[in-house]
Amino acid sequence: IIDEYKKGGTPWLDHRHTVFGQIVSGLDTLDKIGDVETLPNDK
């Protein structure tokens, strides 16, 4: 798991938020959304 986390993640949320799925394809879409311009409230 440590090795996988080297590719990224948010370990500080473990045991605070229920993980119930994992991306299989579409990481490019995820990153495209991550790159959108946001307003001051992260919207």
Full PDB file with SEQRES, HELIX, SHEET, SSBOND, CRYST1, ORIGX, SCALE, CONECT and MASTER records, all heavy atoms in Angstrom:
SEQRES   1 A   43  ILE ILE ASP GLU TYR LYS LYS GLY GLY THR PRO TRP LEU          
SEQRES   2 A   43  ASP HIS ARG HIS THR VAL PHE GLY GLN ILE VAL SER GLY          
SEQRES   3 A   43  LEU ASP THR LEU ASP LYS ILE GLY ASP VAL GLU THR LEU          
SEQRES   4 A   43  PRO ASN ASP LYS                                              
HELIX    1 AA1 ILE A    2  TYR A    5  1                                   4    
HELIX    2 AA2 PRO A   11  LEU A   13  5                                   3    
HELIX    3 AA3 LEU A   27  GLY A   34  1                                   8    
CRYST1    1.000    1.000    1.000  90.00  90.00  90.00 P 1           1          
ORIGX1      1.000000  0.000000  0.000000        0.00000                         
ORIGX2      0.000000  1.000000  0.000000        0.00000                         
ORIGX3      0.000000  0.000000  1.000000        0.00000                         
SCALE1      1.000000  0.000000  0.000000        0.00000                         
SCALE2      0.000000  1.000000  0.000000        0.00000                         
SCALE3      0.000000  0.000000  1.000000        0.00000                         
ATOM      1  N   ILE A   1       0.845  -1.205   0.000  1.00  0.00           N  
ATOM      2  CA  ILE A   1       0.000   0.000   0.000  1.00  0.00           C  
ATOM      3  C   ILE A   1       0.878   1.252   0.000  1.00  0.00           C  
ATOM      4  O   ILE A   1       0.602   2.215  -0.717  1.00  0.00           O  
ATOM      5  CB  ILE A   1      -0.982  -0.027   1.199  1.00  0.00           C  
ATOM      6  CG1 ILE A   1      -1.997  -1.168   1.028  1.00  0.00           C  
ATOM      7  CG2 ILE A   1      -1.676   1.315   1.389  1.00  0.00           C  
ATOM      8  CD1 ILE A   1      -2.916  -1.067  -0.190  1.00  0.00           C  
ATOM      9  N   ILE A   2       1.955   1.237   0.767  1.00  0.00           N  
ATOM     10  CA  ILE A   2       2.895   2.371   0.765  1.00  0.00           C  
ATOM     11  C   ILE A   2       3.421   2.587  -0.658  1.00  0.00           C  
ATOM     12  O   ILE A   2       3.452   3.715  -1.153  1.00  0.00           O  
ATOM     13  CB  ILE A   2       4.061   2.145   1.752  1.00  0.00           C  
ATOM     14  CG1 ILE A   2       3.538   2.170   3.198  1.00  0.00           C  
ATOM     15  CG2 ILE A   2       5.148   3.196   1.558  1.00  0.00           C  
ATOM     16  CD1 ILE A   2       4.569   1.865   4.264  1.00  0.00           C  
ATOM     17  N   ASP A   3       3.778   1.503  -1.325  1.00  0.00           N  
ATOM     18  CA  ASP A   3       4.305   1.614  -2.695  1.00  0.00           C  
ATOM     19  C   ASP A   3       3.257   2.231  -3.618  1.00  0.00           C  
ATOM     20  O   ASP A   3       3.584   3.056  -4.478  1.00  0.00           O  
ATOM     21  CB  ASP A   3       4.731   0.239  -3.228  1.00  0.00           C  
ATOM     22  CG  ASP A   3       5.990  -0.271  -2.510  1.00  0.00           C  
ATOM     23  OD1 ASP A   3       6.683   0.551  -1.850  1.00  0.00           O  
ATOM     24  OD2 ASP A   3       6.266  -1.482  -2.590  1.00  0.00           O  
ATOM     25  N   GLU A   4       2.007   1.845  -3.438  1.00  0.00           N  
ATOM     26  CA  GLU A   4       0.927   2.388  -4.279  1.00  0.00           C  
ATOM     27  C   GLU A   4       0.712   3.872  -3.950  1.00  0.00           C  
ATOM     28  O   GLU A   4       0.464   4.680  -4.841  1.00  0.00           O  
ATOM     29  CB  GLU A   4      -0.353   1.569  -4.060  1.00  0.00           C  
ATOM     30  CG  GLU A   4      -1.440   1.797  -5.086  1.00  0.00           C  
ATOM     31  CD  GLU A   4      -1.049   1.438  -6.531  1.00  0.00           C  
ATOM     32  OE1 GLU A   4      -0.201   0.557  -6.749  1.00  0.00           O  
ATOM     33  OE2 GLU A   4      -1.618   2.072  -7.436  1.00  0.00           O  
ATOM     34  N   TYR A   5       0.810   4.219  -2.683  1.00  0.00           N  
ATOM     35  CA  TYR A   5       0.643   5.618  -2.267  1.00  0.00           C  
ATOM     36  C   TYR A   5       1.723   6.528  -2.862  1.00  0.00           C  
ATOM     37  O   TYR A   5       1.528   7.731  -2.962  1.00  0.00           O  
ATOM     38  CB  TYR A   5       0.642   5.744  -0.741  1.00  0.00           C  
ATOM     39  CG  TYR A   5      -0.745   5.824  -0.135  1.00  0.00           C  
ATOM     40  CD1 TYR A   5      -1.113   4.993   0.920  1.00  0.00           C  
ATOM     41  CD2 TYR A   5      -1.683   6.755  -0.587  1.00  0.00           C  
ATOM     42  CE1 TYR A   5      -2.377   5.084   1.487  1.00  0.00           C  
ATOM     43  CE2 TYR A   5      -2.939   6.849  -0.025  1.00  0.00           C  
ATOM     44  CZ  TYR A   5      -3.292   6.003   1.017  1.00  0.00           C  
ATOM     45  OH  TYR A   5      -4.545   6.101   1.580  1.00  0.00           O  
ATOM     46  N   LYS A   6       2.849   5.945  -3.256  1.00  0.00           N  
ATOM     47  CA  LYS A   6       3.899   6.765  -3.881  1.00  0.00           C  
ATOM     48  C   LYS A   6       3.406   7.374  -5.195  1.00  0.00           C  
ATOM     49  O   LYS A   6       3.954   8.355  -5.670  1.00  0.00           O  
ATOM     50  CB  LYS A   6       5.174   5.937  -4.089  1.00  0.00           C  
ATOM     51  CG  LYS A   6       5.881   5.647  -2.759  1.00  0.00           C  
ATOM     52  CD  LYS A   6       7.080   4.740  -2.914  1.00  0.00           C  
ATOM     53  CE  LYS A   6       7.684   4.456  -1.541  1.00  0.00           C  
ATOM     54  NZ  LYS A   6       8.680   3.380  -1.574  1.00  0.00           N  
ATOM     55  N   LYS A   7       2.332   6.799  -5.765  1.00  0.00           N  
ATOM     56  CA  LYS A   7       1.729   7.342  -6.993  1.00  0.00           C  
ATOM     57  C   LYS A   7       0.696   8.421  -6.673  1.00  0.00           C  
ATOM     58  O   LYS A   7       0.072   8.989  -7.559  1.00  0.00           O  
ATOM     59  CB  LYS A   7       1.041   6.221  -7.783  1.00  0.00           C  
ATOM     60  CG  LYS A   7       1.977   5.113  -8.227  1.00  0.00           C  
ATOM     61  CD  LYS A   7       1.189   3.973  -8.878  1.00  0.00           C  
ATOM     62  CE  LYS A   7       2.042   2.727  -9.005  1.00  0.00           C  
ATOM     63  NZ  LYS A   7       1.185   1.559  -9.320  1.00  0.00           N  
ATOM     64  N   GLY A   8       0.448   8.657  -5.382  1.00  0.00           N  
ATOM     65  CA  GLY A   8      -0.518   9.675  -4.977  1.00  0.00           C  
ATOM     66  C   GLY A   8      -1.610   9.095  -4.100  1.00  0.00           C  
ATOM     67  O   GLY A   8      -1.754   7.882  -3.969  1.00  0.00           O  
ATOM     68  N   GLY A   9      -2.378  10.009  -3.498  1.00  0.00           N  
ATOM     69  CA  GLY A   9      -3.455   9.587  -2.613  1.00  0.00           C  
ATOM     70  C   GLY A   9      -3.563  10.527  -1.427  1.00  0.00           C  
ATOM     71  O   GLY A   9      -2.848  11.532  -1.344  1.00  0.00           O  
ATOM     72  N   THR A  10      -4.459  10.191  -0.523  1.00  0.00           N  
ATOM     73  CA  THR A  10      -4.712  11.035   0.661  1.00  0.00           C  
ATOM     74  C   THR A  10      -4.784  10.148   1.906  1.00  0.00           C  
ATOM     75  O   THR A  10      -5.869   9.937   2.457  1.00  0.00           O  
ATOM     76  CB  THR A  10      -6.033  11.815   0.497  1.00  0.00           C  
ATOM     77  OG1 THR A  10      -7.086  10.877   0.215  1.00  0.00           O  
ATOM     78  CG2 THR A  10      -5.953  12.829  -0.633  1.00  0.00           C  
ATOM     79  N   PRO A  11      -3.636   9.618   2.336  1.00  0.00           N  
ATOM     80  CA  PRO A  11      -3.657   8.662   3.454  1.00  0.00           C  
ATOM     81  C   PRO A  11      -4.241   9.238   4.737  1.00  0.00           C  
ATOM     82  O   PRO A  11      -4.769   8.498   5.577  1.00  0.00           O  
ATOM     83  CB  PRO A  11      -2.186   8.277   3.642  1.00  0.00           C  
ATOM     84  CG  PRO A  11      -1.395   9.321   2.913  1.00  0.00           C  
ATOM     85  CD  PRO A  11      -2.276   9.835   1.828  1.00  0.00           C  
ATOM     86  N   TRP A  12      -4.195  10.581   4.883  1.00  0.00           N  
ATOM     87  CA  TRP A  12      -4.741  11.181   6.109  1.00  0.00           C  
ATOM     88  C   TRP A  12      -6.262  11.038   6.189  1.00  0.00           C  
ATOM     89  O   TRP A  12      -6.861  11.298   7.234  1.00  0.00           O  
ATOM     90  CB  TRP A  12      -4.304  12.645   6.236  1.00  0.00           C  
ATOM     91  CG  TRP A  12      -4.716  13.506   5.079  1.00  0.00           C  
ATOM     92  CD1 TRP A  12      -5.857  14.253   4.972  1.00  0.00           C  
ATOM     93  CD2 TRP A  12      -3.990  13.718   3.859  1.00  0.00           C  
ATOM     94  NE1 TRP A  12      -5.887  14.903   3.758  1.00  0.00           N  
ATOM     95  CE2 TRP A  12      -4.748  14.598   3.049  1.00  0.00           C  
ATOM     96  CE3 TRP A  12      -2.756  13.250   3.359  1.00  0.00           C  
ATOM     97  CZ2 TRP A  12      -4.329  15.019   1.773  1.00  0.00           C  
ATOM     98  CZ3 TRP A  12      -2.346  13.669   2.104  1.00  0.00           C  
ATOM     99  CH2 TRP A  12      -3.127  14.539   1.330  1.00  0.00           C  
ATOM    100  N   LEU A  13      -6.893  10.609   5.086  1.00  0.00           N  
ATOM    101  CA  LEU A  13      -8.348  10.386   5.111  1.00  0.00           C  
ATOM    102  C   LEU A  13      -8.712   8.934   5.424  1.00  0.00           C  
ATOM    103  O   LEU A  13      -9.878   8.618   5.612  1.00  0.00           O  
ATOM    104  CB  LEU A  13      -8.971  10.783   3.757  1.00  0.00           C  
ATOM    105  CG  LEU A  13      -8.795  12.250   3.361  1.00  0.00           C  
ATOM    106  CD1 LEU A  13      -9.476  12.521   2.018  1.00  0.00           C  
ATOM    107  CD2 LEU A  13      -9.336  13.199   4.427  1.00  0.00           C  
ATOM    108  N   ASP A  14      -7.701   8.054   5.498  1.00  0.00           N  
ATOM    109  CA  ASP A  14      -7.989   6.654   5.835  1.00  0.00           C  
ATOM    110  C   ASP A  14      -8.629   6.580   7.212  1.00  0.00           C  
ATOM    111  O   ASP A  14      -8.211   7.269   8.155  1.00  0.00           O  
ATOM    112  CB  ASP A  14      -6.695   5.814   5.808  1.00  0.00           C  
ATOM    113  CG  ASP A  14      -6.155   5.649   4.391  1.00  0.00           C  
ATOM    114  OD1 ASP A  14      -6.928   5.847   3.430  1.00  0.00           O  
ATOM    115  OD2 ASP A  14      -4.954   5.330   4.250  1.00  0.00           O  
ATOM    116  N   HIS A  15      -9.648   5.746   7.322  1.00  0.00           N  
ATOM    117  CA  HIS A  15     -10.412   5.567   8.567  1.00  0.00           C  
ATOM    118  C   HIS A  15     -11.135   6.847   8.995  1.00  0.00           C  
ATOM    119  O   HIS A  15     -11.547   6.986  10.140  1.00  0.00           O  
ATOM    120  CB  HIS A  15      -9.539   4.991   9.698  1.00  0.00           C  
ATOM    121  CG  HIS A  15      -9.219   3.550   9.445  1.00  0.00           C  
ATOM    122  ND1 HIS A  15     -10.062   2.535   9.791  1.00  0.00           N  
ATOM    123  CD2 HIS A  15      -8.173   2.969   8.807  1.00  0.00           C  
ATOM    124  CE1 HIS A  15      -9.543   1.380   9.407  1.00  0.00           C  
ATOM    125  NE2 HIS A  15      -8.396   1.617   8.800  1.00  0.00           N  
ATOM    126  N   ARG A  16     -11.276   7.773   8.046  1.00  0.00           N  
ATOM    127  CA  ARG A  16     -12.137   8.938   8.278  1.00  0.00           C  
ATOM    128  C   ARG A  16     -13.249   8.973   7.239  1.00  0.00           C  
ATOM    129  O   ARG A  16     -14.302   9.539   7.467  1.00  0.00           O  
ATOM    130  CB  ARG A  16     -11.315  10.231   8.185  1.00  0.00           C  
ATOM    131  CG  ARG A  16     -10.361  10.403   9.356  1.00  0.00           C  
ATOM    132  CD  ARG A  16     -10.042  11.874   9.587  1.00  0.00           C  
ATOM    133  NE  ARG A  16      -9.311  12.042  10.830  1.00  0.00           N  
ATOM    134  CZ  ARG A  16      -7.982  12.128  10.914  1.00  0.00           C  
ATOM    135  NH1 ARG A  16      -7.249  12.054   9.824  1.00  0.00           N  
ATOM    136  NH2 ARG A  16      -7.399  12.296  12.079  1.00  0.00           N  
ATOM    137  N   HIS A  17     -12.939   8.399   6.060  1.00  0.00           N  
ATOM    138  CA  HIS A  17     -13.917   8.361   4.966  1.00  0.00           C  
ATOM    139  C   HIS A  17     -13.958   6.945   4.402  1.00  0.00           C  
ATOM    140  O   HIS A  17     -12.918   6.342   4.181  1.00  0.00           O  
ATOM    141  CB  HIS A  17     -13.525   9.350   3.857  1.00  0.00           C  
ATOM    142  CG  HIS A  17     -13.618  10.776   4.298  1.00  0.00           C  
ATOM    143  ND1 HIS A  17     -14.776  11.507   4.192  1.00  0.00           N  
ATOM    144  CD2 HIS A  17     -12.704  11.590   4.885  1.00  0.00           C  
ATOM    145  CE1 HIS A  17     -14.565  12.720   4.686  1.00  0.00           C  
ATOM    146  NE2 HIS A  17     -13.313  12.797   5.117  1.00  0.00           N  
ATOM    147  N   THR A  18     -15.160   6.432   4.193  1.00  0.00           N  
ATOM    148  CA  THR A  18     -15.349   5.072   3.688  1.00  0.00           C  
ATOM    149  C   THR A  18     -14.962   4.989   2.213  1.00  0.00           C  
ATOM    150  O   THR A  18     -15.571   5.645   1.373  1.00  0.00           O  
ATOM    151  CB  THR A  18     -16.823   4.651   3.851  1.00  0.00           C  
ATOM    152  OG1 THR A  18     -17.167   4.699   5.232  1.00  0.00           O  
ATOM    153  CG2 THR A  18     -17.069   3.256   3.295  1.00  0.00           C  
ATOM    154  N   VAL A  19     -13.964   4.167   1.909  1.00  0.00           N  
ATOM    155  CA  VAL A  19     -13.583   3.891   0.519  1.00  0.00           C  
ATOM    156  C   VAL A  19     -14.487   2.763   0.030  1.00  0.00           C  
ATOM    157  O   VAL A  19     -14.614   1.743   0.689  1.00  0.00           O  
ATOM    158  CB  VAL A  19     -12.104   3.448   0.429  1.00  0.00           C  
ATOM    159  CG1 VAL A  19     -11.740   3.085  -1.006  1.00  0.00           C  
ATOM    160  CG2 VAL A  19     -11.186   4.532   0.970  1.00  0.00           C  
ATOM    161  N   PHE A  20     -15.134   2.965  -1.129  1.00  0.00           N  
ATOM    162  CA  PHE A  20     -16.020   1.903  -1.620  1.00  0.00           C  
ATOM    163  C   PHE A  20     -15.817   1.582  -3.103  1.00  0.00           C  
ATOM    164  O   PHE A  20     -16.524   0.769  -3.675  1.00  0.00           O  
ATOM    165  CB  PHE A  20     -17.497   2.228  -1.332  1.00  0.00           C  
ATOM    166  CG  PHE A  20     -18.036   3.425  -2.050  1.00  0.00           C  
ATOM    167  CD1 PHE A  20     -18.772   3.281  -3.220  1.00  0.00           C  
ATOM    168  CD2 PHE A  20     -17.823   4.719  -1.558  1.00  0.00           C  
ATOM    169  CE1 PHE A  20     -19.271   4.389  -3.886  1.00  0.00           C  
ATOM    170  CE2 PHE A  20     -18.330   5.826  -2.219  1.00  0.00           C  
ATOM    171  CZ  PHE A  20     -19.054   5.664  -3.389  1.00  0.00           C  
ATOM    172  N   GLY A  21     -14.818   2.214  -3.728  1.00  0.00           N  
ATOM    173  CA  GLY A  21     -14.533   1.913  -5.127  1.00  0.00           C  
ATOM    174  C   GLY A  21     -13.147   2.400  -5.518  1.00  0.00           C  
ATOM    175  O   GLY A  21     -12.492   3.115  -4.756  1.00  0.00           O  
ATOM    176  N   GLN A  22     -12.709   1.993  -6.717  1.00  0.00           N  
ATOM    177  CA  GLN A  22     -11.397   2.403  -7.229  1.00  0.00           C  
ATOM    178  C   GLN A  22     -11.487   2.564  -8.735  1.00  0.00           C  
ATOM    179  O   GLN A  22     -12.085   1.729  -9.422  1.00  0.00           O  
ATOM    180  CB  GLN A  22     -10.327   1.352  -6.885  1.00  0.00           C  
ATOM    181  CG  GLN A  22      -8.924   1.677  -7.378  1.00  0.00           C  
ATOM    182  CD  GLN A  22      -8.294   2.881  -6.683  1.00  0.00           C  
ATOM    183  OE1 GLN A  22      -8.569   3.149  -5.518  1.00  0.00           O  
ATOM    184  NE2 GLN A  22      -7.454   3.612  -7.407  1.00  0.00           N  
ATOM    185  N   ILE A  23     -10.881   3.620  -9.243  1.00  0.00           N  
ATOM    186  CA  ILE A  23     -10.918   3.893 -10.684  1.00  0.00           C  
ATOM    187  C   ILE A  23     -10.224   2.774 -11.458  1.00  0.00           C  
ATOM    188  O   ILE A  23      -9.186   2.270 -11.042  1.00  0.00           O  
ATOM    189  CB  ILE A  23     -10.304   5.279 -10.987  1.00  0.00           C  
ATOM    190  CG1 ILE A  23     -10.815   5.821 -12.320  1.00  0.00           C  
ATOM    191  CG2 ILE A  23      -8.780   5.240 -10.933  1.00  0.00           C  
ATOM    192  CD1 ILE A  23     -10.604   7.331 -12.486  1.00  0.00           C  
ATOM    193  N   VAL A  24     -10.861   2.357 -12.545  1.00  0.00           N  
ATOM    194  CA  VAL A  24     -10.308   1.313 -13.404  1.00  0.00           C  
ATOM    195  C   VAL A  24      -9.807   1.959 -14.697  1.00  0.00           C  
ATOM    196  O   VAL A  24      -8.787   1.598 -15.243  1.00  0.00           O  
ATOM    197  CB  VAL A  24     -11.396   0.262 -13.747  1.00  0.00           C  
ATOM    198  CG1 VAL A  24     -10.840  -0.830 -14.650  1.00  0.00           C  
ATOM    199  CG2 VAL A  24     -11.986  -0.348 -12.491  1.00  0.00           C  
ATOM    200  N   SER A  25     -10.557   2.942 -15.183  1.00  0.00           N  
ATOM    201  CA  SER A  25     -10.137   3.689 -16.367  1.00  0.00           C  
ATOM    202  C   SER A  25     -10.712   5.100 -16.279  1.00  0.00           C  
ATOM    203  O   SER A  25     -11.718   5.326 -15.600  1.00  0.00           O  
ATOM    204  CB  SER A  25     -10.611   2.991 -17.647  1.00  0.00           C  
ATOM    205  OG  SER A  25     -12.022   2.976 -17.695  1.00  0.00           O  
ATOM    206  N   GLY A  26     -10.033   6.032 -16.958  1.00  0.00           N  
ATOM    207  CA  GLY A  26     -10.516   7.408 -16.952  1.00  0.00           C  
ATOM    208  C   GLY A  26      -9.725   8.335 -16.045  1.00  0.00           C  
ATOM    209  O   GLY A  26     -10.202   9.408 -15.673  1.00  0.00           O  
ATOM    210  N   LEU A  27      -8.500   7.943 -15.693  1.00  0.00           N  
ATOM    211  CA  LEU A  27      -7.652   8.839 -14.885  1.00  0.00           C  
ATOM    212  C   LEU A  27      -7.426  10.168 -15.604  1.00  0.00           C  
ATOM    213  O   LEU A  27      -7.320  11.216 -14.961  1.00  0.00           O  
ATOM    214  CB  LEU A  27      -6.288   8.192 -14.604  1.00  0.00           C  
ATOM    215  CG  LEU A  27      -6.120   7.452 -13.272  1.00  0.00           C  
ATOM    216  CD1 LEU A  27      -4.733   6.847 -13.180  1.00  0.00           C  
ATOM    217  CD2 LEU A  27      -6.389   8.347 -12.062  1.00  0.00           C  
ATOM    218  N   ASP A  28      -7.372  10.117 -16.940  1.00  0.00           N  
ATOM    219  CA  ASP A  28      -7.187  11.354 -17.706  1.00  0.00           C  
ATOM    220  C   ASP A  28      -8.372  12.302 -17.490  1.00  0.00           C  
ATOM    221  O   ASP A  28      -8.197  13.516 -17.360  1.00  0.00           O  
ATOM    222  CB  ASP A  28      -6.987  11.038 -19.193  1.00  0.00           C  
ATOM    223  CG  ASP A  28      -8.094  10.154 -19.770  1.00  0.00           C  
ATOM    224  OD1 ASP A  28      -8.731   9.383 -19.006  1.00  0.00           O  
ATOM    225  OD2 ASP A  28      -8.336  10.223 -20.993  1.00  0.00           O  
ATOM    226  N   THR A  29      -9.580  11.724 -17.414  1.00  0.00           N  
ATOM    227  CA  THR A  29     -10.776  12.540 -17.138  1.00  0.00           C  
ATOM    228  C   THR A  29     -10.691  13.135 -15.734  1.00  0.00           C  
ATOM    229  O   THR A  29     -10.969  14.320 -15.530  1.00  0.00           O  
ATOM    230  CB  THR A  29     -12.058  11.681 -17.274  1.00  0.00           C  
ATOM    231  OG1 THR A  29     -12.131  11.193 -18.610  1.00  0.00           O  
ATOM    232  CG2 THR A  29     -13.307  12.479 -16.957  1.00  0.00           C  
ATOM    233  N   LEU A  30     -10.295  12.307 -14.772  1.00  0.00           N  
ATOM    234  CA  LEU A  30     -10.153  12.775 -13.386  1.00  0.00           C  
ATOM    235  C   LEU A  30      -9.185  13.955 -13.317  1.00  0.00           C  
ATOM    236  O   LEU A  30      -9.471  14.979 -12.688  1.00  0.00           O  
ATOM    237  CB  LEU A  30      -9.657  11.620 -12.508  1.00  0.00           C  
ATOM    238  CG  LEU A  30      -9.372  11.945 -11.036  1.00  0.00           C  
ATOM    239  CD1 LEU A  30     -10.623  12.439 -10.311  1.00  0.00           C  
ATOM    240  CD2 LEU A  30      -8.803  10.723 -10.311  1.00  0.00           C  
ATOM    241  N   ASP A  31      -8.043  13.831 -13.999  1.00  0.00           N  
ATOM    242  CA  ASP A  31      -7.046  14.909 -13.965  1.00  0.00           C  
ATOM    243  C   ASP A  31      -7.519  16.151 -14.717  1.00  0.00           C  
ATOM    244  O   ASP A  31      -7.207  17.271 -14.334  1.00  0.00           O  
ATOM    245  CB  ASP A  31      -5.708  14.414 -14.520  1.00  0.00           C  
ATOM    246  CG  ASP A  31      -5.028  13.446 -13.548  1.00  0.00           C  
ATOM    247  OD1 ASP A  31      -5.315  13.521 -12.338  1.00  0.00           O  
ATOM    248  OD2 ASP A  31      -4.224  12.617 -14.000  1.00  0.00           O  
ATOM    249  N   LYS A  32      -8.293  15.936 -15.790  1.00  0.00           N  
ATOM    250  CA  LYS A  32      -8.844  17.060 -16.545  1.00  0.00           C  
ATOM    251  C   LYS A  32      -9.782  17.867 -15.633  1.00  0.00           C  
ATOM    252  O   LYS A  32      -9.747  19.090 -15.606  1.00  0.00           O  
ATOM    253  CB  LYS A  32      -9.623  16.518 -17.755  1.00  0.00           C  
ATOM    254  CG  LYS A  32      -9.524  17.409 -18.990  1.00  0.00           C  
ATOM    255  CD  LYS A  32     -10.452  16.941 -20.114  1.00  0.00           C  
ATOM    256  CE  LYS A  32     -10.113  15.573 -20.691  1.00  0.00           C  
ATOM    257  NZ  LYS A  32     -11.114  15.126 -21.693  1.00  0.00           N  
ATOM    258  N   ILE A  33     -10.594  17.145 -14.859  1.00  0.00           N  
ATOM    259  CA  ILE A  33     -11.501  17.825 -13.917  1.00  0.00           C  
ATOM    260  C   ILE A  33     -10.684  18.500 -12.816  1.00  0.00           C  
ATOM    261  O   ILE A  33     -10.969  19.628 -12.417  1.00  0.00           O  
ATOM    262  CB  ILE A  33     -12.543  16.839 -13.342  1.00  0.00           C  
ATOM    263  CG1 ILE A  33     -13.464  16.323 -14.465  1.00  0.00           C  
ATOM    264  CG2 ILE A  33     -13.371  17.510 -12.238  1.00  0.00           C  
ATOM    265  CD1 ILE A  33     -14.390  15.181 -14.069  1.00  0.00           C  
ATOM    266  N   GLY A  34      -9.644  17.803 -12.345  1.00  0.00           N  
ATOM    267  CA  GLY A  34      -8.777  18.383 -11.309  1.00  0.00           C  
ATOM    268  C   GLY A  34      -8.136  19.693 -11.739  1.00  0.00           C  
ATOM    269  O   GLY A  34      -7.796  20.537 -10.908  1.00  0.00           O  
ATOM    270  N   ASP A  35      -7.986  19.863 -13.052  1.00  0.00           N  
ATOM    271  CA  ASP A  35      -7.319  21.056 -13.600  1.00  0.00           C  
ATOM    272  C   ASP A  35      -8.259  22.227 -13.883  1.00  0.00           C  
ATOM    273  O   ASP A  35      -7.796  23.274 -14.328  1.00  0.00           O  
ATOM    274  CB  ASP A  35      -6.619  20.699 -14.927  1.00  0.00           C  
ATOM    275  CG  ASP A  35      -5.255  20.073 -14.679  1.00  0.00           C  
ATOM    276  OD1 ASP A  35      -4.656  20.345 -13.620  1.00  0.00           O  
ATOM    277  OD2 ASP A  35      -4.789  19.298 -15.544  1.00  0.00           O  
ATOM    278  N   VAL A  36      -9.569  22.046 -13.671  1.00  0.00           N  
ATOM    279  CA  VAL A  36     -10.477  23.138 -14.056  1.00  0.00           C  
ATOM    280  C   VAL A  36     -10.246  24.373 -13.186  1.00  0.00           C  
ATOM    281  O   VAL A  36      -9.785  24.270 -12.047  1.00  0.00           O  
ATOM    282  CB  VAL A  36     -11.983  22.730 -13.987  1.00  0.00           C  
ATOM    283  CG1 VAL A  36     -12.275  21.567 -14.906  1.00  0.00           C  
ATOM    284  CG2 VAL A  36     -12.441  22.465 -12.568  1.00  0.00           C  
ATOM    285  N   GLU A  37     -10.595  25.510 -13.746  1.00  0.00           N  
ATOM    286  CA  GLU A  37     -10.460  26.764 -12.994  1.00  0.00           C  
ATOM    287  C   GLU A  37     -11.560  26.817 -11.936  1.00  0.00           C  
ATOM    288  O   GLU A  37     -12.721  26.508 -12.209  1.00  0.00           O  
ATOM    289  CB  GLU A  37     -10.609  27.928 -13.968  1.00  0.00           C  
ATOM    290  CG  GLU A  37     -10.131  29.255 -13.397  1.00  0.00           C  
ATOM    291  CD  GLU A  37     -10.342  30.419 -14.369  1.00  0.00           C  
ATOM    292  OE1 GLU A  37     -10.407  30.170 -15.601  1.00  0.00           O  
ATOM    293  OE2 GLU A  37     -10.451  31.541 -13.883  1.00  0.00           O  
ATOM    294  N   THR A  38     -11.189  27.184 -10.710  1.00  0.00           N  
ATOM    295  CA  THR A  38     -12.186  27.219  -9.629  1.00  0.00           C  
ATOM    296  C   THR A  38     -12.303  28.617  -9.034  1.00  0.00           C  
ATOM    297  O   THR A  38     -11.385  29.428  -9.117  1.00  0.00           O  
ATOM    298  CB  THR A  38     -11.807  26.232  -8.504  1.00  0.00           C  
ATOM    299  OG1 THR A  38     -10.469  26.490  -8.094  1.00  0.00           O  
ATOM    300  CG2 THR A  38     -11.940  24.785  -8.952  1.00  0.00           C  
ATOM    301  N   LEU A  39     -13.449  28.839  -8.398  1.00  0.00           N  
ATOM    302  CA  LEU A  39     -13.718  30.091  -7.686  1.00  0.00           C  
ATOM    303  C   LEU A  39     -13.126  29.971  -6.279  1.00  0.00           C  
ATOM    304  O   LEU A  39     -12.703  28.890  -5.871  1.00  0.00           O  
ATOM    305  CB  LEU A  39     -15.235  30.307  -7.647  1.00  0.00           C  
ATOM    306  CG  LEU A  39     -15.883  30.373  -9.044  1.00  0.00           C  
ATOM    307  CD1 LEU A  39     -17.395  30.235  -8.949  1.00  0.00           C  
ATOM    308  CD2 LEU A  39     -15.503  31.670  -9.753  1.00  0.00           C  
ATOM    309  N   PRO A  40     -13.136  31.055  -5.495  1.00  0.00           N  
ATOM    310  CA  PRO A  40     -12.515  30.998  -4.168  1.00  0.00           C  
ATOM    311  C   PRO A  40     -13.043  29.883  -3.246  1.00  0.00           C  
ATOM    312  O   PRO A  40     -12.333  29.411  -2.377  1.00  0.00           O  
ATOM    313  CB  PRO A  40     -12.819  32.379  -3.581  1.00  0.00           C  
ATOM    314  CG  PRO A  40     -12.908  33.272  -4.772  1.00  0.00           C  
ATOM    315  CD  PRO A  40     -13.543  32.436  -5.844  1.00  0.00           C  
ATOM    316  N   ASN A  41     -14.284  29.432  -3.442  1.00  0.00           N  
ATOM    317  CA  ASN A  41     -14.804  28.362  -2.564  1.00  0.00           C  
ATOM    318  C   ASN A  41     -14.588  26.964  -3.159  1.00  0.00           C  
ATOM    319  O   ASN A  41     -15.294  26.020  -2.785  1.00  0.00           O  
ATOM    320  CB  ASN A  41     -16.297  28.593  -2.294  1.00  0.00           C  
ATOM    321  CG  ASN A  41     -17.112  28.591  -3.583  1.00  0.00           C  
ATOM    322  OD1 ASN A  41     -16.551  28.495  -4.679  1.00  0.00           O  
ATOM    323  ND2 ASN A  41     -18.415  28.693  -3.460  1.00  0.00           N  
ATOM    324  N   ASP A  42     -13.644  26.820  -4.079  1.00  0.00           N  
ATOM    325  CA  ASP A  42     -13.307  25.544  -4.729  1.00  0.00           C  
ATOM    326  C   ASP A  42     -14.395  25.040  -5.676  1.00  0.00           C  
ATOM    327  O   ASP A  42     -14.359  23.896  -6.107  1.00  0.00           O  
ATOM    328  CB  ASP A  42     -12.979  24.427  -3.706  1.00  0.00           C  
ATOM    329  CG  ASP A  42     -11.861  24.824  -2.768  1.00  0.00           C  
ATOM    330  OD1 ASP A  42     -10.865  25.390  -3.254  1.00  0.00           O  
ATOM    331  OD2 ASP A  42     -11.984  24.586  -1.551  1.00  0.00           O  
ATOM    332  N   LYS A  43     -15.375  25.875  -5.973  1.00  0.00           N  
ATOM    333  CA  LYS A  43     -16.416  25.478  -6.928  1.00  0.00           C  
ATOM    334  C   LYS A  43     -15.913  25.791  -8.332  1.00  0.00           C  
ATOM    335  O   LYS A  43     -15.423  26.892  -8.582  1.00  0.00           O  
ATOM    336  CB  LYS A  43     -17.696  26.273  -6.632  1.00  0.00           C  
ATOM    337  CG  LYS A  43     -18.947  25.703  -7.293  1.00  0.00           C  
ATOM    338  CD  LYS A  43     -20.170  26.522  -6.873  1.00  0.00           C  
ATOM    339  CE  LYS A  43     -21.408  26.129  -7.647  1.00  0.00           C  
ATOM    340  NZ  LYS A  43     -22.001  24.876  -7.228  1.00  0.00           N  
TER     341      LYS A  43                                                      
MASTER        0    0    0    3    0    0    0    6  340    1    0    4          
END                                                                             
